[in-house]
């Protein structure tokens, strides 16, 4: 039985870190999503009970352009790439959805009763909950903590997208590529030049040209689908220049 809407107005919020009274899945939601951790226990149990619990293999297309939105995803593990595809074959990565995050585009489609206008692909194996549309709308209207979670998501994602647009419009490709390599973490990066180009909204040939210039300067070593950072300070200097 699902909790009634009236239960969502109770003040039985679960103290941060004190989730022993919840079912295992509800406790996991509270632990994974900091913005939902202070929600009433009834809200967390409702999300856990109403949602479809899915596990998706890496490479799976989770949604595509002009497809309807089935629900509001809450990622528990793994990473989802959301990207725009163009007729000429180019792709532009809009953002990633990681554990403890939700998909901006899904929320927008549900609130606007519209279809997707981008594509979501499982970057790794993904575990997630999909909250049905009816439950999403009910919680938006009835629960303040859930409503704040959704609108905070909009604010954060829109700010990130604006930064992406600004970077594409004004920053040189070499600076953006240097910053991306540093953001990947570690000195060994396993990625194709095409994947890096897609993430930067560029083309493979230009990314390859810049990477080779980095290699000529002794900043990186290039291999097959592998880049090793040799001079991190030099890349950081370029990225911050």
C-alpha atoms as a PDB file:
ATOM      1  CA  UNK A   1       0.000   0.000   0.000  1.00  0.00           C
ATOM      2  CA  UNK A   2       1.340   3.440  -0.892  1.00  0.00           C
ATOM      3  CA  UNK A   3       1.293   6.213   1.674  1.00  0.00           C
ATOM      4  CA  UNK A   4      -1.555   8.682   1.170  1.00  0.00           C
ATOM      5  CA  UNK A   5      -0.845  12.276   0.184  1.00  0.00           C
ATOM      6  CA  UNK A   6      -1.893  13.389   3.667  1.00  0.00           C
ATOM      7  CA  UNK A   7       0.932  11.330   5.165  1.00  0.00           C
ATOM      8  CA  UNK A   8       3.408  13.416   3.221  1.00  0.00           C
ATOM      9  CA  UNK A   9       2.523  16.452   5.316  1.00  0.00           C
ATOM     10  CA  UNK A  10       3.599  14.757   8.545  1.00  0.00           C
ATOM     11  CA  UNK A  11       6.767  15.928  10.235  1.00  0.00           C
ATOM     12  CA  UNK A  12       8.290  12.451  10.522  1.00  0.00           C
ATOM     13  CA  UNK A  13      11.419  13.486   8.660  1.00  0.00           C
ATOM     14  CA  UNK A  14      14.343  11.115   9.037  1.00  0.00           C
ATOM     15  CA  UNK A  15      17.368  12.714  10.745  1.00  0.00           C
ATOM     16  CA  UNK A  16      20.445  12.759   8.492  1.00  0.00           C
ATOM     17  CA  UNK A  17      22.369   9.515   8.919  1.00  0.00           C
ATOM     18  CA  UNK A  18      19.560   7.884  10.952  1.00  0.00           C
ATOM     19  CA  UNK A  19      17.838   5.656   8.418  1.00  0.00           C
ATOM     20  CA  UNK A  20      17.451   2.453  10.431  1.00  0.00           C
ATOM     21  CA  UNK A  21      13.658   2.840  10.617  1.00  0.00           C
ATOM     22  CA  UNK A  22      13.303   2.854   6.830  1.00  0.00           C
ATOM     23  CA  UNK A  23      13.043  -0.047   4.427  1.00  0.00           C
ATOM     24  CA  UNK A  24      16.401  -0.880   2.788  1.00  0.00           C
ATOM     25  CA  UNK A  25      15.556   0.837  -0.523  1.00  0.00           C
ATOM     26  CA  UNK A  26      14.135   3.944   1.145  1.00  0.00           C
ATOM     27  CA  UNK A  27      17.241   4.156   3.341  1.00  0.00           C
ATOM     28  CA  UNK A  28      19.415   3.883   0.238  1.00  0.00           C
ATOM     29  CA  UNK A  29      17.529   6.756  -1.392  1.00  0.00           C
ATOM     30  CA  UNK A  30      18.121   8.921   1.683  1.00  0.00           C
ATOM     31  CA  UNK A  31      21.806   7.972   1.766  1.00  0.00           C
ATOM     32  CA  UNK A  32      22.394   8.504  -1.974  1.00  0.00           C
ATOM     33  CA  UNK A  33      20.419  11.724  -2.465  1.00  0.00           C
ATOM     34  CA  UNK A  34      21.510  14.399   0.035  1.00  0.00           C
ATOM     35  CA  UNK A  35      18.684  16.708  -1.068  1.00  0.00           C
ATOM     36  CA  UNK A  36      16.118  14.031  -0.172  1.00  0.00           C
ATOM     37  CA  UNK A  37      17.684  12.889   3.110  1.00  0.00           C
ATOM     38  CA  UNK A  38      15.532  15.276   5.163  1.00  0.00           C
ATOM     39  CA  UNK A  39      12.281  14.179   3.496  1.00  0.00           C
ATOM     40  CA  UNK A  40       9.546  12.627   5.668  1.00  0.00           C
ATOM     41  CA  UNK A  41       9.837   8.860   6.001  1.00  0.00           C
ATOM     42  CA  UNK A  42       6.511   8.546   4.159  1.00  0.00           C
ATOM     43  CA  UNK A  43       7.972  10.362   1.153  1.00  0.00           C
ATOM     44  CA  UNK A  44      11.030   8.121   0.987  1.00  0.00           C
ATOM     45  CA  UNK A  45       8.913   4.995   1.339  1.00  0.00           C
ATOM     46  CA  UNK A  46       6.525   6.253  -1.329  1.00  0.00           C
ATOM     47  CA  UNK A  47       9.362   6.824  -3.798  1.00  0.00           C
ATOM     48  CA  UNK A  48      10.802   3.388  -2.992  1.00  0.00           C
ATOM     49  CA  UNK A  49       7.444   1.623  -3.308  1.00  0.00           C
ATOM     50  CA  UNK A  50       6.156   3.394  -6.398  1.00  0.00           C
ATOM     51  CA  UNK A  51       9.336   3.426  -8.488  1.00  0.00           C
ATOM     52  CA  UNK A  52      10.492   0.878 -11.028  1.00  0.00           C
ATOM     53  CA  UNK A  53      13.891  -0.455  -9.925  1.00  0.00           C
ATOM     54  CA  UNK A  54      16.065  -0.982 -13.009  1.00  0.00           C
ATOM     55  CA  UNK A  55      19.583  -2.157 -13.817  1.00  0.00           C
ATOM     56  CA  UNK A  56      20.885  -1.140 -17.239  1.00  0.00           C
ATOM     57  CA  UNK A  57      24.005  -2.362 -19.036  1.00  0.00           C
ATOM     58  CA  UNK A  58      26.662   0.078 -20.245  1.00  0.00           C
ATOM     59  CA  UNK A  59      25.931   1.350 -23.754  1.00  0.00           C
ATOM     60  CA  UNK A  60      22.147   1.038 -23.454  1.00  0.00           C
ATOM     61  CA  UNK A  61      20.154   3.892 -24.981  1.00  0.00           C
ATOM     62  CA  UNK A  62      17.896   4.857 -22.079  1.00  0.00           C
ATOM     63  CA  UNK A  63      15.879   7.432 -23.995  1.00  0.00           C
ATOM     64  CA  UNK A  64      16.099   9.080 -27.403  1.00  0.00           C
ATOM     65  CA  UNK A  65      14.802  12.121 -29.239  1.00  0.00           C
ATOM     66  CA  UNK A  66      11.041  12.279 -29.796  1.00  0.00           C
ATOM     67  CA  UNK A  67      10.406   9.424 -27.350  1.00  0.00           C
ATOM     68  CA  UNK A  68       7.932   9.976 -24.485  1.00  0.00           C
ATOM     69  CA  UNK A  69       9.165  10.290 -20.910  1.00  0.00           C
ATOM     70  CA  UNK A  70       8.115   7.278 -18.848  1.00  0.00           C
ATOM     71  CA  UNK A  71       9.070   8.724 -15.482  1.00  0.00           C
ATOM     72  CA  UNK A  72      11.550  10.625 -13.332  1.00  0.00           C
ATOM     73  CA  UNK A  73      14.878   8.782 -12.938  1.00  0.00           C
ATOM     74  CA  UNK A  74      16.921   8.765  -9.743  1.00  0.00           C
ATOM     75  CA  UNK A  75      20.365   7.281 -10.331  1.00  0.00           C
ATOM     76  CA  UNK A  76      21.649   5.020  -7.554  1.00  0.00           C
ATOM     77  CA  UNK A  77      24.850   3.810  -9.255  1.00  0.00           C
ATOM     78  CA  UNK A  78      26.688   4.381 -12.520  1.00  0.00           C
ATOM     79  CA  UNK A  79      26.653   7.274 -14.964  1.00  0.00           C
ATOM     80  CA  UNK A  80      24.343   8.389 -17.796  1.00  0.00           C
ATOM     81  CA  UNK A  81      25.455  10.691 -20.619  1.00  0.00           C
ATOM     82  CA  UNK A  82      22.813  13.058 -21.993  1.00  0.00           C
ATOM     83  CA  UNK A  83      23.717  14.360 -25.424  1.00  0.00           C
ATOM     84  CA  UNK A  84      22.344  16.123 -28.482  1.00  0.00           C
ATOM     85  CA  UNK A  85      22.803  14.422 -31.847  1.00  0.00           C
ATOM     86  CA  UNK A  86      22.842  16.335 -35.125  1.00  0.00           C
ATOM     87  CA  UNK A  87      22.092  15.263 -38.730  1.00  0.00           C
ATOM     88  CA  UNK A  88      25.760  15.593 -39.709  1.00  0.00           C
ATOM     89  CA  UNK A  89      26.670  12.902 -37.175  1.00  0.00           C
ATOM     90  CA  UNK A  90      28.146  15.224 -34.576  1.00  0.00           C
ATOM     91  CA  UNK A  91      27.219  14.986 -30.920  1.00  0.00           C
ATOM     92  CA  UNK A  92      27.279  17.503 -28.095  1.00  0.00           C
ATOM     93  CA  UNK A  93      27.320  16.235 -24.540  1.00  0.00           C
ATOM     94  CA  UNK A  94      24.921  18.285 -22.410  1.00  0.00           C
ATOM     95  CA  UNK A  95      25.624  16.746 -19.008  1.00  0.00           C
ATOM     96  CA  UNK A  96      26.138  13.533 -17.042  1.00  0.00           C
ATOM     97  CA  UNK A  97      23.783  12.102 -14.435  1.00  0.00           C
ATOM     98  CA  UNK A  98      25.659  10.421 -11.590  1.00  0.00           C
ATOM     99  CA  UNK A  99      24.631   8.714  -8.329  1.00  0.00           C
ATOM    100  CA  UNK A 100      22.564  11.038  -6.180  1.00  0.00           C
ATOM    101  CA  UNK A 101      21.427  13.034  -9.211  1.00  0.00           C
ATOM    102  CA  UNK A 102      18.356  13.162 -11.416  1.00  0.00           C
ATOM    103  CA  UNK A 103      17.868  14.004 -15.084  1.00  0.00           C
ATOM    104  CA  UNK A 104      16.967  17.632 -15.834  1.00  0.00           C
ATOM    105  CA  UNK A 105      15.531  16.745 -19.227  1.00  0.00           C
ATOM    106  CA  UNK A 106      13.236  14.088 -17.756  1.00  0.00           C
ATOM    107  CA  UNK A 107      11.880  16.553 -15.211  1.00  0.00           C
ATOM    108  CA  UNK A 108      11.368  19.164 -17.917  1.00  0.00           C
ATOM    109  CA  UNK A 109       9.521  16.703 -20.170  1.00  0.00           C
ATOM    110  CA  UNK A 110       7.258  15.608 -17.315  1.00  0.00           C
ATOM    111  CA  UNK A 111       6.445  19.158 -16.238  1.00  0.00           C
ATOM    112  CA  UNK A 112       5.875  20.274 -19.834  1.00  0.00           C
ATOM    113  CA  UNK A 113       4.120  17.087 -21.027  1.00  0.00           C
ATOM    114  CA  UNK A 114       6.573  16.887 -23.939  1.00  0.00           C
ATOM    115  CA  UNK A 115       8.826  14.259 -25.520  1.00  0.00           C
ATOM    116  CA  UNK A 116      12.583  14.060 -25.119  1.00  0.00           C
ATOM    117  CA  UNK A 117      14.668  16.256 -27.422  1.00  0.00           C
ATOM    118  CA  UNK A 118      18.009  14.626 -26.597  1.00  0.00           C
ATOM    119  CA  UNK A 119      19.447  11.150 -26.030  1.00  0.00           C
ATOM    120  CA  UNK A 120      20.495   9.443 -22.804  1.00  0.00           C
ATOM    121  CA  UNK A 121      23.060   6.619 -22.900  1.00  0.00           C
ATOM    122  CA  UNK A 122      24.326   4.495 -20.016  1.00  0.00           C
ATOM    123  CA  UNK A 123      28.022   5.362 -19.825  1.00  0.00           C
ATOM    124  CA  UNK A 124      28.597   2.503 -17.357  1.00  0.00           C
ATOM    125  CA  UNK A 125      26.335  -0.142 -15.873  1.00  0.00           C
ATOM    126  CA  UNK A 126      23.567   1.885 -14.244  1.00  0.00           C
ATOM    127  CA  UNK A 127      21.189   1.189 -11.380  1.00  0.00           C
ATOM    128  CA  UNK A 128      18.278   3.574 -11.006  1.00  0.00           C
ATOM    129  CA  UNK A 129      14.740   4.127  -9.847  1.00  0.00           C
ATOM    130  CA  UNK A 130      12.130   5.449 -12.284  1.00  0.00           C
ATOM    131  CA  UNK A 131       9.339   7.307 -10.503  1.00  0.00           C
ATOM    132  CA  UNK A 132       6.119   7.148 -12.604  1.00  0.00           C
ATOM    133  CA  UNK A 133       4.793  10.430 -13.984  1.00  0.00           C
ATOM    134  CA  UNK A 134       1.668  10.429 -11.804  1.00  0.00           C
ATOM    135  CA  UNK A 135       3.719   9.947  -8.628  1.00  0.00           C
ATOM    136  CA  UNK A 136       6.202  12.611  -9.747  1.00  0.00           C
ATOM    137  CA  UNK A 137       3.416  15.185 -10.159  1.00  0.00           C
ATOM    138  CA  UNK A 138       1.807  14.156  -6.858  1.00  0.00           C
ATOM    139  CA  UNK A 139       5.060  14.585  -4.941  1.00  0.00           C
ATOM    140  CA  UNK A 140       5.838  17.899  -6.635  1.00  0.00           C
ATOM    141  CA  UNK A 141       2.513  19.185  -5.359  1.00  0.00           C
ATOM    142  CA  UNK A 142       2.492  17.572  -1.912  1.00  0.00           C
ATOM    143  CA  UNK A 143       6.052  17.396  -0.584  1.00  0.00           C
ATOM    144  CA  UNK A 144       8.278  20.434  -0.085  1.00  0.00           C
ATOM    145  CA  UNK A 145      11.550  18.492   0.147  1.00  0.00           C
ATOM    146  CA  UNK A 146      10.925  16.627  -3.110  1.00  0.00           C
ATOM    147  CA  UNK A 147       9.863  19.873  -4.797  1.00  0.00           C
ATOM    148  CA  UNK A 148      13.093  21.563  -3.670  1.00  0.00           C
ATOM    149  CA  UNK A 149      15.091  18.594  -4.976  1.00  0.00           C
ATOM    150  CA  UNK A 150      13.566  18.968  -8.443  1.00  0.00           C
ATOM    151  CA  UNK A 151      13.930  22.743  -8.664  1.00  0.00           C
ATOM    152  CA  UNK A 152      17.469  22.692  -7.269  1.00  0.00           C
ATOM    153  CA  UNK A 153      18.246  20.224 -10.052  1.00  0.00           C
ATOM    154  CA  UNK A 154      16.938  22.718 -12.608  1.00  0.00           C
ATOM    155  CA  UNK A 155      19.044  25.520 -11.175  1.00  0.00           C
ATOM    156  CA  UNK A 156      22.267  23.500 -11.061  1.00  0.00           C
ATOM    157  CA  UNK A 157      21.867  21.954 -14.507  1.00  0.00           C
ATOM    158  CA  UNK A 158      20.920  25.220 -16.197  1.00  0.00           C
ATOM    159  CA  UNK A 159      23.960  26.927 -14.694  1.00  0.00           C
ATOM    160  CA  UNK A 160      26.153  24.075 -15.940  1.00  0.00           C
ATOM    161  CA  UNK A 161      24.630  24.228 -19.427  1.00  0.00           C
ATOM    162  CA  UNK A 162      25.223  27.976 -19.575  1.00  0.00           C
ATOM    163  CA  UNK A 163      28.884  27.376 -18.734  1.00  0.00           C
ATOM    164  CA  UNK A 164      29.074  24.800 -21.525  1.00  0.00           C
ATOM    165  CA  UNK A 165      27.572  27.222 -24.036  1.00  0.00           C
ATOM    166  CA  UNK A 166      29.951  29.967 -22.916  1.00  0.00           C
ATOM    167  CA  UNK A 167      32.958  27.650 -23.205  1.00  0.00           C
ATOM    168  CA  UNK A 168      32.013  26.564 -26.731  1.00  0.00           C
ATOM    169  CA  UNK A 169      31.381  30.144 -27.810  1.00  0.00           C
ATOM    170  CA  UNK A 170      34.392  31.875 -26.289  1.00  0.00           C
ATOM    171  CA  UNK A 171      37.107  29.519 -25.062  1.00  0.00           C
ATOM    172  CA  UNK A 172      39.702  28.084 -27.385  1.00  0.00           C
ATOM    173  CA  UNK A 173      39.639  24.334 -27.976  1.00  0.00           C
ATOM    174  CA  UNK A 174      43.132  23.792 -26.563  1.00  0.00           C
ATOM    175  CA  UNK A 175      42.146  25.344 -23.214  1.00  0.00           C
ATOM    176  CA  UNK A 176      38.913  23.356 -23.039  1.00  0.00           C
ATOM    177  CA  UNK A 177      40.680  20.109 -23.946  1.00  0.00           C
ATOM    178  CA  UNK A 178      43.390  20.686 -21.349  1.00  0.00           C
ATOM    179  CA  UNK A 179      40.716  21.291 -18.699  1.00  0.00           C
ATOM    180  CA  UNK A 180      38.815  18.167 -19.732  1.00  0.00           C
ATOM    181  CA  UNK A 181      41.924  15.973 -19.488  1.00  0.00           C
ATOM    182  CA  UNK A 182      42.630  17.294 -16.003  1.00  0.00           C
ATOM    183  CA  UNK A 183      39.021  16.766 -14.907  1.00  0.00           C
ATOM    184  CA  UNK A 184      39.137  13.084 -15.827  1.00  0.00           C
ATOM    185  CA  UNK A 185      41.337  12.396 -12.809  1.00  0.00           C
ATOM    186  CA  UNK A 186      44.565  10.397 -12.812  1.00  0.00           C
ATOM    187  CA  UNK A 187      47.293  10.463 -15.418  1.00  0.00           C
ATOM    188  CA  UNK A 188      45.961   7.596 -17.561  1.00  0.00           C
ATOM    189  CA  UNK A 189      42.850   8.466 -19.587  1.00  0.00           C
ATOM    190  CA  UNK A 190      41.120   5.769 -21.631  1.00  0.00           C
ATOM    191  CA  UNK A 191      39.096   7.563 -24.290  1.00  0.00           C
ATOM    192  CA  UNK A 192      38.946   7.884 -28.051  1.00  0.00           C
ATOM    193  CA  UNK A 193      39.560  11.207 -29.746  1.00  0.00           C
ATOM    194  CA  UNK A 194      35.975  11.019 -31.014  1.00  0.00           C
ATOM    195  CA  UNK A 195      34.621  10.653 -27.476  1.00  0.00           C
ATOM    196  CA  UNK A 196      36.575  13.696 -26.345  1.00  0.00           C
ATOM    197  CA  UNK A 197      35.350  15.643 -29.370  1.00  0.00           C
ATOM    198  CA  UNK A 198      31.746  14.717 -28.602  1.00  0.00           C
ATOM    199  CA  UNK A 199      32.141  15.898 -25.035  1.00  0.00           C
ATOM    200  CA  UNK A 200      33.619  19.207 -26.178  1.00  0.00           C
ATOM    201  CA  UNK A 201      31.154  19.792 -29.011  1.00  0.00           C
ATOM    202  CA  UNK A 202      33.995  19.673 -31.538  1.00  0.00           C
ATOM    203  CA  UNK A 203      35.165  17.268 -34.266  1.00  0.00           C
ATOM    204  CA  UNK A 204      37.658  14.413 -33.997  1.00  0.00           C
ATOM    205  CA  UNK A 205      40.176  15.905 -36.443  1.00  0.00           C
ATOM    206  CA  UNK A 206      40.543  19.112 -34.446  1.00  0.00           C
ATOM    207  CA  UNK A 207      40.884  17.251 -31.137  1.00  0.00           C
ATOM    208  CA  UNK A 208      43.542  14.975 -32.668  1.00  0.00           C
ATOM    209  CA  UNK A 209      45.447  18.013 -33.935  1.00  0.00           C
ATOM    210  CA  UNK A 210      45.453  19.650 -30.503  1.00  0.00           C
ATOM    211  CA  UNK A 211      46.438  16.410 -28.741  1.00  0.00           C
ATOM    212  CA  UNK A 212      49.377  15.986 -31.111  1.00  0.00           C
ATOM    213  CA  UNK A 213      50.481  19.533 -30.348  1.00  0.00           C
ATOM    214  CA  UNK A 214      50.335  18.645 -26.634  1.00  0.00           C
ATOM    215  CA  UNK A 215      52.449  15.559 -27.360  1.00  0.00           C
ATOM    216  CA  UNK A 216      54.982  17.598 -29.346  1.00  0.00           C
ATOM    217  CA  UNK A 217      55.385  19.877 -26.320  1.00  0.00           C
ATOM    218  CA  UNK A 218      55.911  16.885 -24.024  1.00  0.00           C
ATOM    219  CA  UNK A 219      52.680  17.379 -22.102  1.00  0.00           C
ATOM    220  CA  UNK A 220      51.037  14.055 -22.979  1.00  0.00           C
ATOM    221  CA  UNK A 221      51.821  10.696 -24.535  1.00  0.00           C
ATOM    222  CA  UNK A 222      49.285   9.278 -26.987  1.00  0.00           C
ATOM    223  CA  UNK A 223      48.405   5.622 -27.508  1.00  0.00           C
ATOM    224  CA  UNK A 224      45.500   3.660 -28.896  1.00  0.00           C
ATOM    225  CA  UNK A 225      42.414   4.961 -27.082  1.00  0.00           C
ATOM    226  CA  UNK A 226      44.772   6.086 -24.323  1.00  0.00           C
ATOM    227  CA  UNK A 227      46.251   9.406 -23.242  1.00  0.00           C
ATOM    228  CA  UNK A 228      48.874   9.674 -20.510  1.00  0.00           C
ATOM    229  CA  UNK A 229      49.406  13.043 -18.871  1.00  0.00           C
ATOM    230  CA  UNK A 230      53.129  13.781 -18.556  1.00  0.00           C
ATOM    231  CA  UNK A 231      53.162  17.451 -17.567  1.00  0.00           C
ATOM    232  CA  UNK A 232      50.088  18.236 -15.461  1.00  0.00           C
ATOM    233  CA  UNK A 233      51.261  21.766 -14.448  1.00  0.00           C
ATOM    234  CA  UNK A 234      51.625  22.748 -18.111  1.00  0.00           C
ATOM    235  CA  UNK A 235      48.081  21.606 -18.899  1.00  0.00           C
ATOM    236  CA  UNK A 236      46.782  23.377 -15.794  1.00  0.00           C
ATOM    237  CA  UNK A 237      48.527  26.564 -16.862  1.00  0.00           C
ATOM    238  CA  UNK A 238      46.884  26.421 -20.276  1.00  0.00           C
ATOM    239  CA  UNK A 239      43.457  25.531 -18.888  1.00  0.00           C
ATOM    240  CA  UNK A 240      43.543  28.429 -16.453  1.00  0.00           C
ATOM    241  CA  UNK A 241      45.140  30.899 -18.856  1.00  0.00           C
END
